[in-house]
PDB file of N, CA and C in Angstrom:
ATOM      1  N   MET A   1       0.638  -1.214  -0.127  1.00  0.00           N
ATOM      2  CA  MET A   1       0.009  -0.233  -0.272  1.00  0.00           C
ATOM      3  C   MET A   1       0.827   1.781  -0.188  1.00  0.00           C
ATOM      4  N   GLY A   2       0.640   1.354  -0.822  1.00  0.00           N
ATOM      5  CA  GLY A   2       1.688   3.020  -1.175  1.00  0.00           C
ATOM      6  C   GLY A   2       0.620   4.446  -1.018  1.00  0.00           C
ATOM      7  N   ALA A   3       1.874   5.352  -0.908  1.00  0.00           N
ATOM      8  CA  ALA A   3       0.731   6.576  -1.319  1.00  0.00           C
ATOM      9  C   ALA A   3       0.491   7.341  -2.173  1.00  0.00           C
ATOM     10  N   HIS A   4      -0.762   8.006  -2.859  1.00  0.00           N
ATOM     11  CA  HIS A   4      -1.005   8.447  -3.909  1.00  0.00           C
ATOM     12  C   HIS A   4      -1.008   9.816  -3.814  1.00  0.00           C
ATOM     13  N   ALA A   5      -0.825  10.819  -4.710  1.00  0.00           N
ATOM     14  CA  ALA A   5      -1.436  12.039  -4.674  1.00  0.00           C
ATOM     15  C   ALA A   5      -1.859  12.522  -5.933  1.00  0.00           C
ATOM     16  N   GLY A   6      -2.716  13.625  -5.920  1.00  0.00           N
ATOM     17  CA  GLY A   6      -2.883  14.178  -7.052  1.00  0.00           C
ATOM     18  C   GLY A   6      -2.993  15.909  -6.597  1.00  0.00           C
ATOM     19  N   VAL A   7      -2.569  16.618  -7.584  1.00  0.00           N
ATOM     20  CA  VAL A   7      -2.694  18.284  -7.393  1.00  0.00           C
ATOM     21  C   VAL A   7      -3.973  18.239  -7.710  1.00  0.00           C
ATOM     22  N   VAL A   8      -4.439  19.173  -6.504  1.00  0.00           N
ATOM     23  CA  VAL A   8      -5.763  19.931  -6.823  1.00  0.00           C
ATOM     24  C   VAL A   8      -5.595  21.418  -7.138  1.00  0.00           C
ATOM     25  N   SER A   9      -4.799  21.913  -6.431  1.00  0.00           N
ATOM     26  CA  SER A   9      -4.550  23.326  -7.534  1.00  0.00           C
ATOM     27  C   SER A   9      -2.819  23.894  -6.923  1.00  0.00           C
ATOM     28  N   GLU A  10      -2.437  24.830  -7.296  1.00  0.00           N
ATOM     29  CA  GLU A  10      -1.032  25.014  -6.625  1.00  0.00           C
ATOM     30  C   GLU A  10      -1.295  25.301  -5.688  1.00  0.00           C
ATOM     31  N   GLN A  11      -1.867  25.412  -4.850  1.00  0.00           N
ATOM     32  CA  GLN A  11      -1.871  25.611  -3.134  1.00  0.00           C
ATOM     33  C   GLN A  11      -2.521  24.288  -2.692  1.00  0.00           C
ATOM     34  N   THR A  12      -2.882  23.465  -2.799  1.00  0.00           N
ATOM     35  CA  THR A  12      -3.540  22.215  -2.673  1.00  0.00           C
ATOM     36  C   THR A  12      -2.748  21.379  -3.119  1.00  0.00           C
ATOM     37  N   THR A  13      -2.365  20.134  -2.020  1.00  0.00           N
ATOM     38  CA  THR A  13      -1.830  18.969  -2.597  1.00  0.00           C
ATOM     39  C   THR A  13      -3.247  17.547  -1.715  1.00  0.00           C
ATOM     40  N   ILE A  14      -3.391  16.987  -2.495  1.00  0.00           N
ATOM     41  CA  ILE A  14      -4.464  15.611  -2.332  1.00  0.00           C
ATOM     42  C   ILE A  14      -3.595  14.375  -1.591  1.00  0.00           C
ATOM     43  N   LEU A  15      -3.359  13.893  -0.530  1.00  0.00           N
ATOM     44  CA  LEU A  15      -2.803  12.861  -0.280  1.00  0.00           C
ATOM     45  C   LEU A  15      -3.635  11.746   0.081  1.00  0.00           C
ATOM     46  N   ILE A  16      -3.144  10.653  -0.780  1.00  0.00           N
ATOM     47  CA  ILE A  16      -4.189   9.549  -0.420  1.00  0.00           C
ATOM     48  C   ILE A  16      -2.976   8.569   0.283  1.00  0.00           C
ATOM     49  N   VAL A  17      -3.127   8.161   1.454  1.00  0.00           N
ATOM     50  CA  VAL A  17      -2.031   7.381   2.320  1.00  0.00           C
ATOM     51  C   VAL A  17      -2.977   6.537   3.033  1.00  0.00           C
ATOM     52  N   LEU A  18      -2.760   5.050   2.949  1.00  0.00           N
ATOM     53  CA  LEU A  18      -3.344   3.439   3.713  1.00  0.00           C
ATOM     54  C   LEU A  18      -5.071   3.889   3.590  1.00  0.00           C
ATOM     55  N   GLY A  19      -5.750   4.337   2.422  1.00  0.00           N
ATOM     56  CA  GLY A  19      -7.155   4.648   2.463  1.00  0.00           C
ATOM     57  C   GLY A  19      -7.285   5.820   2.735  1.00  0.00           C
ATOM     58  N   LYS A  20      -6.400   6.691   3.493  1.00  0.00           N
ATOM     59  CA  LYS A  20      -7.480   7.714   4.073  1.00  0.00           C
ATOM     60  C   LYS A  20      -6.838   8.807   2.937  1.00  0.00           C
ATOM     61  N   THR A  21      -8.038   9.898   2.819  1.00  0.00           N
ATOM     62  CA  THR A  21      -7.215  11.509   2.154  1.00  0.00           C
ATOM     63  C   THR A  21      -7.221  11.994   2.969  1.00  0.00           C
ATOM     64  N   VAL A  22      -6.161  13.086   2.646  1.00  0.00           N
ATOM     65  CA  VAL A  22      -5.328  13.580   3.318  1.00  0.00           C
ATOM     66  C   VAL A  22      -4.968  15.078   2.613  1.00  0.00           C
ATOM     67  N   GLU A  23      -5.529  16.252   2.930  1.00  0.00           N
ATOM     68  CA  GLU A  23      -5.428  17.335   2.532  1.00  0.00           C
ATOM     69  C   GLU A  23      -4.051  18.124   2.709  1.00  0.00           C
ATOM     70  N   VAL A  24      -3.098  18.115   2.141  1.00  0.00           N
ATOM     71  CA  VAL A  24      -1.862  18.721   2.396  1.00  0.00           C
ATOM     72  C   VAL A  24      -1.662  20.606   1.789  1.00  0.00           C
ATOM     73  N   ALA A  25      -1.360  21.709   2.265  1.00  0.00           N
ATOM     74  CA  ALA A  25      -1.499  22.862   1.748  1.00  0.00           C
ATOM     75  C   ALA A  25       0.100  23.005   1.237  1.00  0.00           C
ATOM     76  N   THR A  26       0.442  23.319   0.448  1.00  0.00           N
ATOM     77  CA  THR A  26       1.822  23.718  -0.014  1.00  0.00           C
ATOM     78  C   THR A  26       1.999  25.413  -0.755  1.00  0.00           C
ATOM     79  N   MET A  27       2.881  25.585  -0.257  1.00  0.00           N
ATOM     80  CA  MET A  27       3.385  26.744  -0.808  1.00  0.00           C
ATOM     81  C   MET A  27       3.980  27.323  -2.691  1.00  0.00           C
ATOM     82  N   ASP A  28       3.966  28.032  -3.194  1.00  0.00           N
ATOM     83  CA  ASP A  28       4.196  27.981  -4.631  1.00  0.00           C
ATOM     84  C   ASP A  28       6.087  29.100  -4.393  1.00  0.00           C
ATOM     85  N   PHE A  29       6.514  28.608  -5.111  1.00  0.00           N
ATOM     86  CA  PHE A  29       8.130  29.411  -5.310  1.00  0.00           C
ATOM     87  C   PHE A  29       7.788  30.746  -4.745  1.00  0.00           C
ATOM     88  N   THR A  30       7.044  31.761  -5.473  1.00  0.00           N
ATOM     89  CA  THR A  30       7.236  33.188  -5.304  1.00  0.00           C
ATOM     90  C   THR A  30       6.415  33.376  -3.823  1.00  0.00           C
ATOM     91  N   GLU A  31       5.608  32.374  -3.696  1.00  0.00           N
ATOM     92  CA  GLU A  31       4.924  32.710  -2.072  1.00  0.00           C
ATOM     93  C   GLU A  31       6.364  32.335  -1.072  1.00  0.00           C
ATOM     94  N   LYS A  32       6.945  31.409  -1.430  1.00  0.00           N
ATOM     95  CA  LYS A  32       8.371  31.006  -0.297  1.00  0.00           C
ATOM     96  C   LYS A  32       9.478  32.223  -0.251  1.00  0.00           C
ATOM     97  N   LEU A  33       9.565  33.247  -1.402  1.00  0.00           N
ATOM     98  CA  LEU A  33      10.508  33.970  -2.139  1.00  0.00           C
ATOM     99  C   LEU A  33       9.883  35.278  -1.379  1.00  0.00           C
ATOM    100  N   ARG A  34       8.405  35.744  -1.428  1.00  0.00           N
ATOM    101  CA  ARG A  34       8.212  36.510  -0.984  1.00  0.00           C
ATOM    102  C   ARG A  34       8.359  36.472   1.406  1.00  0.00           C
ATOM    103  N   LEU A  35       8.232  35.240   1.509  1.00  0.00           N
ATOM    104  CA  LEU A  35       8.009  34.970   2.495  1.00  0.00           C
ATOM    105  C   LEU A  35       9.197  35.260   3.308  1.00  0.00           C
ATOM    106  N   HIS A  36      10.398  34.696   2.630  1.00  0.00           N
ATOM    107  CA  HIS A  36      11.794  34.749   2.898  1.00  0.00           C
ATOM    108  C   HIS A  36      12.140  36.198   3.192  1.00  0.00           C
ATOM    109  N   GLY A  37      11.975  37.199   2.152  1.00  0.00           N
ATOM    110  CA  GLY A  37      12.235  38.469   2.054  1.00  0.00           C
ATOM    111  C   GLY A  37      11.513  39.056   3.524  1.00  0.00           C
ATOM    112  N   GLN A  38      10.258  38.533   3.804  1.00  0.00           N
ATOM    113  CA  GLN A  38       9.325  39.182   4.882  1.00  0.00           C
ATOM    114  C   GLN A  38      10.295  39.111   6.368  1.00  0.00           C
ATOM    115  N   ALA A  39      10.834  38.131   6.097  1.00  0.00           N
ATOM    116  CA  ALA A  39      11.691  36.865   7.245  1.00  0.00           C
ATOM    117  C   ALA A  39      12.418  38.093   7.100  1.00  0.00           C
ATOM    118  N   ASP A  40      13.557  38.090   6.137  1.00  0.00           N
ATOM    119  CA  ASP A  40      15.130  38.684   5.968  1.00  0.00           C
ATOM    120  C   ASP A  40      14.883  40.331   7.107  1.00  0.00           C
ATOM    121  N   GLU A  41      13.414  40.630   5.911  1.00  0.00           N
ATOM    122  CA  GLU A  41      13.405  42.347   6.857  1.00  0.00           C
ATOM    123  C   GLU A  41      12.872  42.515   8.404  1.00  0.00           C
ATOM    124  N   ASN A  42      12.283  41.571   9.145  1.00  0.00           N
ATOM    125  CA  ASN A  42      11.376  41.489  10.433  1.00  0.00           C
ATOM    126  C   ASN A  42      13.159  40.827  11.189  1.00  0.00           C
ATOM    127  N   ARG A  43      14.382  40.152  10.762  1.00  0.00           N
ATOM    128  CA  ARG A  43      15.468  39.954  11.469  1.00  0.00           C
ATOM    129  C   ARG A  43      15.471  41.585  11.548  1.00  0.00           C
ATOM    130  N   TYR A  44      15.646  42.314  10.647  1.00  0.00           N
ATOM    131  CA  TYR A  44      16.888  43.905  10.033  1.00  0.00           C
ATOM    132  C   TYR A  44      16.129  44.640  11.369  1.00  0.00           C
ATOM    133  N   PHE A  45      15.245  44.390  10.979  1.00  0.00           N
ATOM    134  CA  PHE A  45      14.368  45.852  12.370  1.00  0.00           C
ATOM    135  C   PHE A  45      14.788  45.707  13.662  1.00  0.00           C
ATOM    136  N   ALA A  46      14.785  44.098  13.477  1.00  0.00           N
ATOM    137  CA  ALA A  46      14.637  43.666  15.151  1.00  0.00           C
ATOM    138  C   ALA A  46      15.801  43.777  15.493  1.00  0.00           C
ATOM    139  N   GLU A  47      16.894  43.718  14.757  1.00  0.00           N
ATOM    140  CA  GLU A  47      18.162  43.950  15.124  1.00  0.00           C
ATOM    141  C   GLU A  47      18.456  45.360  15.398  1.00  0.00           C
ATOM    142  N   LEU A  48      17.944  45.978  14.032  1.00  0.00           N
ATOM    143  CA  LEU A  48      17.969  48.335  14.679  1.00  0.00           C
ATOM    144  C   LEU A  48      17.258  48.212  15.930  1.00  0.00           C
ATOM    145  N   ASP A  49      16.169  47.403  16.463  1.00  0.00           N
ATOM    146  CA  ASP A  49      15.622  47.884  17.100  1.00  0.00           C
ATOM    147  C   ASP A  49      16.609  47.749  18.603  1.00  0.00           C
ATOM    148  N   ARG A  50      17.144  46.160  18.434  1.00  0.00           N
ATOM    149  CA  ARG A  50      17.955  45.863  19.659  1.00  0.00           C
ATOM    150  C   ARG A  50      18.746  47.384  20.113  1.00  0.00           C
ATOM    151  N   LYS A  51      19.576  47.609  18.572  1.00  0.00           N
ATOM    152  CA  LYS A  51      20.376  49.130  19.028  1.00  0.00           C
ATOM    153  C   LYS A  51      19.957  49.951  19.727  1.00  0.00           C
ATOM    154  N   LEU A  52      19.042  50.072  19.011  1.00  0.00           N
ATOM    155  CA  LEU A  52      18.434  51.655  19.920  1.00  0.00           C
ATOM    156  C   LEU A  52      17.530  51.199  21.203  1.00  0.00           C
ATOM    157  N   ILE A  53      17.173  50.742  21.547  1.00  0.00           N
ATOM    158  CA  ILE A  53      17.073  50.078  22.800  1.00  0.00           C
ATOM    159  C   ILE A  53      18.100  50.346  23.956  1.00  0.00           C
ATOM    160  N   ASP A  54      19.522  49.324  23.327  1.00  0.00           N
ATOM    161  CA  ASP A  54      20.868  49.931  23.916  1.00  0.00           C
ATOM    162  C   ASP A  54      21.354  50.821  24.089  1.00  0.00           C
ATOM    163  N   ALA A  55      20.860  51.689  22.866  1.00  0.00           N
ATOM    164  CA  ALA A  55      21.340  53.041  22.629  1.00  0.00           C
ATOM    165  C   ALA A  55      20.857  54.119  24.103  1.00  0.00           C
ATOM    166  N   MET A  56      19.238  54.172  24.336  1.00  0.00           N
ATOM    167  CA  MET A  56      17.978  54.919  24.560  1.00  0.00           C
ATOM    168  C   MET A  56      18.573  54.349  26.234  1.00  0.00           C
ATOM    169  N   HIS A  57      19.269  52.648  26.847  1.00  0.00           N
ATOM    170  CA  HIS A  57      20.141  52.557  28.105  1.00  0.00           C
ATOM    171  C   HIS A  57      20.902  53.498  28.290  1.00  0.00           C
ATOM    172  N   GLU A  58      21.847  53.113  27.165  1.00  0.00           N
ATOM    173  CA  GLU A  58      23.201  53.506  27.329  1.00  0.00           C
ATOM    174  C   GLU A  58      22.855  55.312  28.040  1.00  0.00           C
ATOM    175  N   LYS A  59      22.260  56.108  26.950  1.00  0.00           N
ATOM    176  CA  LYS A  59      21.829  58.040  27.256  1.00  0.00           C
ATOM    177  C   LYS A  59      21.187  57.872  28.936  1.00  0.00           C
ATOM    178  N   GLN A  60      20.227  56.712  28.916  1.00  0.00           N
ATOM    179  CA  GLN A  60      19.743  56.942  30.531  1.00  0.00           C
ATOM    180  C   GLN A  60      20.972  56.483  31.844  1.00  0.00           C
ATOM    181  N   LYS A  61      21.372  55.782  31.392  1.00  0.00           N
ATOM    182  CA  LYS A  61      22.505  55.444  32.409  1.00  0.00           C
ATOM    183  C   LYS A  61      23.869  56.515  32.786  1.00  0.00           C
ATOM    184  N   HIS A  62      23.481  57.402  31.416  1.00  0.00           N
ATOM    185  CA  HIS A  62      24.789  58.640  31.384  1.00  0.00           C
ATOM    186  C   HIS A  62      24.259  59.690  32.105  1.00  0.00           C
ATOM    187  N   GLU A  63      22.527  59.812  31.936  1.00  0.00           N
ATOM    188  CA  GLU A  63      22.023  61.022  32.252  1.00  0.00           C
ATOM    189  C   GLU A  63      21.743  60.785  33.709  1.00  0.00           C
ATOM    190  N   ASP A  64      21.514  59.383  34.374  1.00  0.00           N
ATOM    191  CA  ASP A  64      21.360  59.024  35.846  1.00  0.00           C
ATOM    192  C   ASP A  64      22.843  59.583  36.463  1.00  0.00           C
ATOM    193  N   GLU A  65      23.673  59.057  36.072  1.00  0.00           N
ATOM    194  CA  GLU A  65      25.013  59.539  36.231  1.00  0.00           C
ATOM    195  C   GLU A  65      25.689  61.175  36.443  1.00  0.00           C
ATOM    196  N   VAL A  66      24.847  61.965  35.710  1.00  0.00           N
ATOM    197  CA  VAL A  66      25.231  63.501  35.458  1.00  0.00           C
ATOM    198  C   VAL A  66      24.315  63.989  36.659  1.00  0.00           C
ATOM    199  N   LEU A  67      22.936  63.332  36.879  1.00  0.00           N
ATOM    200  CA  LEU A  67      22.125  63.999  37.750  1.00  0.00           C
ATOM    201  C   LEU A  67      22.983  63.640  39.476  1.00  0.00           C
ATOM    202  N   LYS A  68      23.724  62.609  39.589  1.00  0.00           N
ATOM    203  CA  LYS A  68      23.712  61.973  40.953  1.00  0.00           C
ATOM    204  C   LYS A  68      25.327  63.093  41.288  1.00  0.00           C
ATOM    205  N   ARG A  69      25.695  63.152  40.025  1.00  0.00           N
ATOM    206  CA  ARG A  69      27.247  64.208  40.310  1.00  0.00           C
ATOM    207  C   ARG A  69      26.549  65.955  40.685  1.00  0.00           C
ATOM    208  N   ILE A  70      25.065  66.267  40.208  1.00  0.00           N
ATOM    209  CA  ILE A  70      25.256  67.615  40.402  1.00  0.00           C
ATOM    210  C   ILE A  70      24.453  67.642  41.386  1.00  0.00           C
ATOM    211  N   GLN A  71      23.675  66.353  42.473  1.00  0.00           N
ATOM    212  CA  GLN A  71      23.219  65.854  43.314  1.00  0.00           C
ATOM    213  C   GLN A  71      23.965  66.402  44.405  1.00  0.00           C
ATOM    214  N   ALA A  72      24.863  65.637  44.384  1.00  0.00           N
ATOM    215  CA  ALA A  72      26.218  65.611  45.053  1.00  0.00           C
ATOM    216  C   ALA A  72      26.852  66.926  45.625  1.00  0.00           C
ATOM    217  N   GLU A  73      27.186  67.755  44.250  1.00  0.00           N
ATOM    218  CA  GLU A  73      27.679  68.609  43.974  1.00  0.00           C
ATOM    219  C   GLU A  73      26.665  69.728  44.772  1.00  0.00           C
ATOM    220  N   ASN A  74      25.539  69.571  44.763  1.00  0.00           N
ATOM    221  CA  ASN A  74      24.512  70.808  45.459  1.00  0.00           C
ATOM    222  C   ASN A  74      24.822  70.333  46.974  1.00  0.00           C
ATOM    223  N   PHE A  75      24.653  69.022  47.238  1.00  0.00           N
ATOM    224  CA  PHE A  75      24.073  68.460  48.868  1.00  0.00           C
ATOM    225  C   PHE A  75      25.754  69.613  48.861  1.00  0.00           C
ATOM    226  N   ASP A  76      26.936  69.355  48.609  1.00  0.00           N
ATOM    227  CA  ASP A  76      27.879  69.948  49.028  1.00  0.00           C
ATOM    228  C   ASP A  76      28.398  71.409  49.279  1.00  0.00           C
ATOM    229  N   LEU A  77      27.683  71.914  48.499  1.00  0.00           N
ATOM    230  CA  LEU A  77      27.624  73.303  48.226  1.00  0.00           C
ATOM    231  C   LEU A  77      26.441  73.780  50.103  1.00  0.00           C
ATOM    232  N   ASN A  78      25.365  72.908  49.665  1.00  0.00           N
ATOM    233  CA  ASN A  78      24.588  73.259  51.275  1.00  0.00           C
ATOM    234  C   ASN A  78      25.176  73.539  52.340  1.00  0.00           C
ATOM    235  N   ASN A  79      25.516  72.267  52.300  1.00  0.00           N
ATOM    236  CA  ASN A  79      26.262  72.156  53.188  1.00  0.00           C
ATOM    237  C   ASN A  79      27.128  73.045  53.657  1.00  0.00           C
ATOM    238  N   THR A  80      28.187  73.210  52.823  1.00  0.00           N
ATOM    239  CA  THR A  80      29.447  74.328  53.397  1.00  0.00           C
ATOM    240  C   THR A  80      28.581  75.606  53.538  1.00  0.00           C
ATOM    241  N   ALA A  81      27.634  76.108  52.949  1.00  0.00           N
ATOM    242  CA  ALA A  81      26.554  77.522  52.860  1.00  0.00           C
ATOM    243  C   ALA A  81      26.210  77.233  54.831  1.00  0.00           C
ATOM    244  N   ASP A  82      25.847  76.142  54.934  1.00  0.00           N
ATOM    245  CA  ASP A  82      25.373  75.865  56.774  1.00  0.00           C
ATOM    246  C   ASP A  82      26.387  75.770  57.289  1.00  0.00           C
ATOM    247  N   ALA A  83      27.444  75.547  57.162  1.00  0.00           N
ATOM    248  CA  ALA A  83      28.617  75.366  58.200  1.00  0.00           C
ATOM    249  C   ALA A  83      28.744  76.748  58.517  1.00  0.00           C
ATOM    250  N   LYS A  84      29.323  77.638  57.376  1.00  0.00           N
ATOM    251  CA  LYS A  84      29.346  79.236  57.632  1.00  0.00           C
ATOM    252  C   LYS A  84      28.527  79.926  58.687  1.00  0.00           C
TER     253      LYS A  84
END
């Protein structure tokens, strides 16, 4: 008992395996190329998003460090002024 296949359309293939009919969806070549291109594009923009998020985190870290230095300087100036 083998498998017999019949093509219904470019998108659907009917397989008869062990007396049971199974419909299998297939893709044509242009659809595969389109999906491959879309996957490449998704990977490119995901990498770009990761780089932008990393840059935003670095900027936030730098700004936090600057703010801490300013607050420390202001604290020192206030303590110096109070001591006089």
